[in-house]
Amino acid sequence: MRLHNLRTFIAASLAALTVAACSADVPVPTPDPLTPVAAEDYVFPVDLAGDYTIRWTAADGIDLTSPEATVVRAVSEAMTLSGLVGEELSYPGWFEFWETTTVGRTL
């Protein structure tokens, strides 16, 4: 009788463990939006900012691909996106730039 009870207990325990192991919801970690990401891993926050593009035009003689114009465009676009989603969720590096320069404190 004792052997039968032990076998029944072991079988029931194994069945319960198998069911629990197969049906347990494993929590999937949600990435923190404030955690810095590498530029190549950045995903534009379409759900927060909308799906938009910025088209740049300039007067004759202004090269929009020059280093100076590239910096101006980058800052302008980052400020626009920051206005929609906040500095922390803007482009990679923007929040750190904004917080560590006088530009962010004077605007």
C-alpha atoms as a PDB file:
ATOM      1  CA  MET A   1       0.000   0.000   0.000  1.00  0.00           C
ATOM      2  CA  ARG A   2       2.800   2.408   0.890  1.00  0.00           C
ATOM      3  CA  LEU A   3       4.571   1.792  -2.425  1.00  0.00           C
ATOM      4  CA  HIS A   4       1.348   2.497  -4.307  1.00  0.00           C
ATOM      5  CA  ASN A   5       0.870   5.789  -2.433  1.00  0.00           C
ATOM      6  CA  LEU A   6       4.480   6.796  -3.083  1.00  0.00           C
ATOM      7  CA  ARG A   7       4.144   6.058  -6.804  1.00  0.00           C
ATOM      8  CA  THR A   8       0.897   8.003  -6.961  1.00  0.00           C
ATOM      9  CA  PHE A   9       2.475  10.940  -5.142  1.00  0.00           C
ATOM     10  CA  ILE A  10       5.533  10.940  -7.444  1.00  0.00           C
ATOM     11  CA  ALA A  11       3.378  10.697 -10.573  1.00  0.00           C
ATOM     12  CA  ALA A  12       1.096  13.499  -9.408  1.00  0.00           C
ATOM     13  CA  SER A  13       4.074  15.671  -8.481  1.00  0.00           C
ATOM     14  CA  LEU A  14       5.759  15.126 -11.830  1.00  0.00           C
ATOM     15  CA  ALA A  15       2.521  15.873 -13.674  1.00  0.00           C
ATOM     16  CA  ALA A  16       2.026  19.089 -11.686  1.00  0.00           C
ATOM     17  CA  LEU A  17       5.612  20.192 -12.288  1.00  0.00           C
ATOM     18  CA  THR A  18       5.342  19.434 -16.003  1.00  0.00           C
ATOM     19  CA  VAL A  19       2.130  21.420 -16.351  1.00  0.00           C
ATOM     20  CA  ALA A  20       3.545  24.307 -14.326  1.00  0.00           C
ATOM     21  CA  ALA A  21       6.785  24.363 -16.313  1.00  0.00           C
ATOM     22  CA  CYS A  22       5.030  24.268 -19.672  1.00  0.00           C
ATOM     23  CA  SER A  23       2.372  26.831 -18.905  1.00  0.00           C
ATOM     24  CA  ALA A  24       4.283  29.387 -16.855  1.00  0.00           C
ATOM     25  CA  ASP A  25       4.399  32.846 -18.385  1.00  0.00           C
ATOM     26  CA  VAL A  26       7.991  33.911 -18.534  1.00  0.00           C
ATOM     27  CA  PRO A  27       8.161  37.683 -18.165  1.00  0.00           C
ATOM     28  CA  VAL A  28       9.772  39.346 -21.170  1.00  0.00           C
ATOM     29  CA  PRO A  29      11.876  42.302 -20.107  1.00  0.00           C
ATOM     30  CA  THR A  30      10.607  45.586 -21.493  1.00  0.00           C
ATOM     31  CA  PRO A  31      13.420  47.861 -22.615  1.00  0.00           C
ATOM     32  CA  ASP A  32      13.681  51.126 -20.721  1.00  0.00           C
ATOM     33  CA  PRO A  33      13.118  53.990 -23.189  1.00  0.00           C
ATOM     34  CA  LEU A  34      15.607  56.113 -21.247  1.00  0.00           C
ATOM     35  CA  THR A  35      18.434  53.620 -21.617  1.00  0.00           C
ATOM     36  CA  PRO A  36      20.921  54.862 -24.198  1.00  0.00           C
ATOM     37  CA  VAL A  37      21.134  52.792 -27.352  1.00  0.00           C
ATOM     38  CA  ALA A  38      23.795  52.568 -29.989  1.00  0.00           C
ATOM     39  CA  ALA A  39      23.078  54.680 -33.038  1.00  0.00           C
ATOM     40  CA  GLU A  40      22.741  51.589 -35.240  1.00  0.00           C
ATOM     41  CA  ASP A  41      20.075  50.186 -32.864  1.00  0.00           C
ATOM     42  CA  TYR A  42      18.014  53.390 -32.761  1.00  0.00           C
ATOM     43  CA  VAL A  43      14.401  53.111 -33.906  1.00  0.00           C
ATOM     44  CA  PHE A  44      12.535  56.323 -34.694  1.00  0.00           C
ATOM     45  CA  PRO A  45       9.583  56.681 -32.237  1.00  0.00           C
ATOM     46  CA  VAL A  46       6.837  56.726 -34.872  1.00  0.00           C
ATOM     47  CA  ASP A  47       4.212  55.789 -32.271  1.00  0.00           C
ATOM     48  CA  LEU A  48       5.033  58.953 -30.295  1.00  0.00           C
ATOM     49  CA  ALA A  49       6.149  61.440 -32.942  1.00  0.00           C
ATOM     50  CA  GLY A  50       4.188  60.304 -35.960  1.00  0.00           C
ATOM     51  CA  ASP A  51       5.540  59.320 -39.329  1.00  0.00           C
ATOM     52  CA  TYR A  52       7.062  62.461 -40.752  1.00  0.00           C
ATOM     53  CA  THR A  53      10.076  63.591 -42.712  1.00  0.00           C
ATOM     54  CA  ILE A  54      11.913  66.878 -42.925  1.00  0.00           C
ATOM     55  CA  ARG A  55      12.858  68.157 -46.349  1.00  0.00           C
ATOM     56  CA  TRP A  56      15.618  70.699 -46.490  1.00  0.00           C
ATOM     57  CA  THR A  57      15.993  73.294 -49.236  1.00  0.00           C
ATOM     58  CA  ALA A  58      18.435  76.176 -49.452  1.00  0.00           C
ATOM     59  CA  ALA A  59      19.131  79.237 -51.508  1.00  0.00           C
ATOM     60  CA  ASP A  60      21.680  79.041 -54.303  1.00  0.00           C
ATOM     61  CA  GLY A  61      25.210  78.891 -52.972  1.00  0.00           C
ATOM     62  CA  ILE A  62      24.328  77.117 -49.706  1.00  0.00           C
ATOM     63  CA  ASP A  63      25.598  73.550 -49.554  1.00  0.00           C
ATOM     64  CA  LEU A  64      23.303  71.553 -47.260  1.00  0.00           C
ATOM     65  CA  THR A  65      25.826  68.714 -47.171  1.00  0.00           C
ATOM     66  CA  SER A  66      28.690  70.849 -45.849  1.00  0.00           C
ATOM     67  CA  PRO A  67      29.846  70.042 -42.298  1.00  0.00           C
ATOM     68  CA  GLU A  68      28.421  73.305 -40.960  1.00  0.00           C
ATOM     69  CA  ALA A  69      25.026  72.809 -42.582  1.00  0.00           C
ATOM     70  CA  THR A  70      24.949  69.179 -41.429  1.00  0.00           C
ATOM     71  CA  VAL A  71      25.397  70.271 -37.807  1.00  0.00           C
ATOM     72  CA  VAL A  72      22.681  72.923 -38.154  1.00  0.00           C
ATOM     73  CA  ARG A  73      20.286  70.401 -39.703  1.00  0.00           C
ATOM     74  CA  ALA A  74      21.047  67.785 -37.029  1.00  0.00           C
ATOM     75  CA  VAL A  75      20.441  70.216 -34.176  1.00  0.00           C
ATOM     76  CA  SER A  76      17.265  71.548 -35.758  1.00  0.00           C
ATOM     77  CA  GLU A  77      15.849  68.081 -36.395  1.00  0.00           C
ATOM     78  CA  ALA A  78      16.773  66.869 -32.901  1.00  0.00           C
ATOM     79  CA  MET A  79      15.115  69.922 -31.354  1.00  0.00           C
ATOM     80  CA  THR A  80      11.982  69.318 -33.421  1.00  0.00           C
ATOM     81  CA  LEU A  81      11.824  65.664 -32.379  1.00  0.00           C
ATOM     82  CA  SER A  82      12.566  66.598 -28.752  1.00  0.00           C
ATOM     83  CA  GLY A  83       9.614  68.945 -28.821  1.00  0.00           C
ATOM     84  CA  LEU A  84       7.397  66.000 -29.750  1.00  0.00           C
ATOM     85  CA  VAL A  85       8.785  63.185 -27.593  1.00  0.00           C
ATOM     86  CA  GLY A  86      11.214  64.793 -25.119  1.00  0.00           C
ATOM     87  CA  GLU A  87      14.988  65.007 -25.137  1.00  0.00           C
ATOM     88  CA  GLU A  88      15.414  61.527 -23.661  1.00  0.00           C
ATOM     89  CA  LEU A  89      13.639  59.830 -26.565  1.00  0.00           C
ATOM     90  CA  SER A  90      15.124  61.954 -29.316  1.00  0.00           C
ATOM     91  CA  TYR A  91      18.121  60.894 -31.389  1.00  0.00           C
ATOM     92  CA  PRO A  92      20.991  58.958 -29.738  1.00  0.00           C
ATOM     93  CA  GLY A  93      23.340  61.361 -27.996  1.00  0.00           C
ATOM     94  CA  TRP A  94      20.976  64.322 -28.119  1.00  0.00           C
ATOM     95  CA  PHE A  95      19.946  64.138 -24.462  1.00  0.00           C
ATOM     96  CA  GLU A  96      23.576  63.992 -23.308  1.00  0.00           C
ATOM     97  CA  PHE A  97      24.472  66.899 -25.579  1.00  0.00           C
ATOM     98  CA  TRP A  98      21.484  68.901 -24.404  1.00  0.00           C
ATOM     99  CA  GLU A  99      22.252  68.306 -20.728  1.00  0.00           C
ATOM    100  CA  THR A 100      26.006  68.925 -20.913  1.00  0.00           C
ATOM    101  CA  THR A 101      26.190  72.075 -23.044  1.00  0.00           C
ATOM    102  CA  THR A 102      25.143  75.626 -22.482  1.00  0.00           C
ATOM    103  CA  VAL A 103      22.884  75.375 -25.520  1.00  0.00           C
ATOM    104  CA  GLY A 104      20.352  73.302 -23.594  1.00  0.00           C
ATOM    105  CA  ARG A 105      20.420  75.635 -20.619  1.00  0.00           C
ATOM    106  CA  THR A 106      19.976  78.832 -22.631  1.00  0.00           C
ATOM    107  CA  LEU A 107      17.049  77.793 -24.835  1.00  0.00           C
END
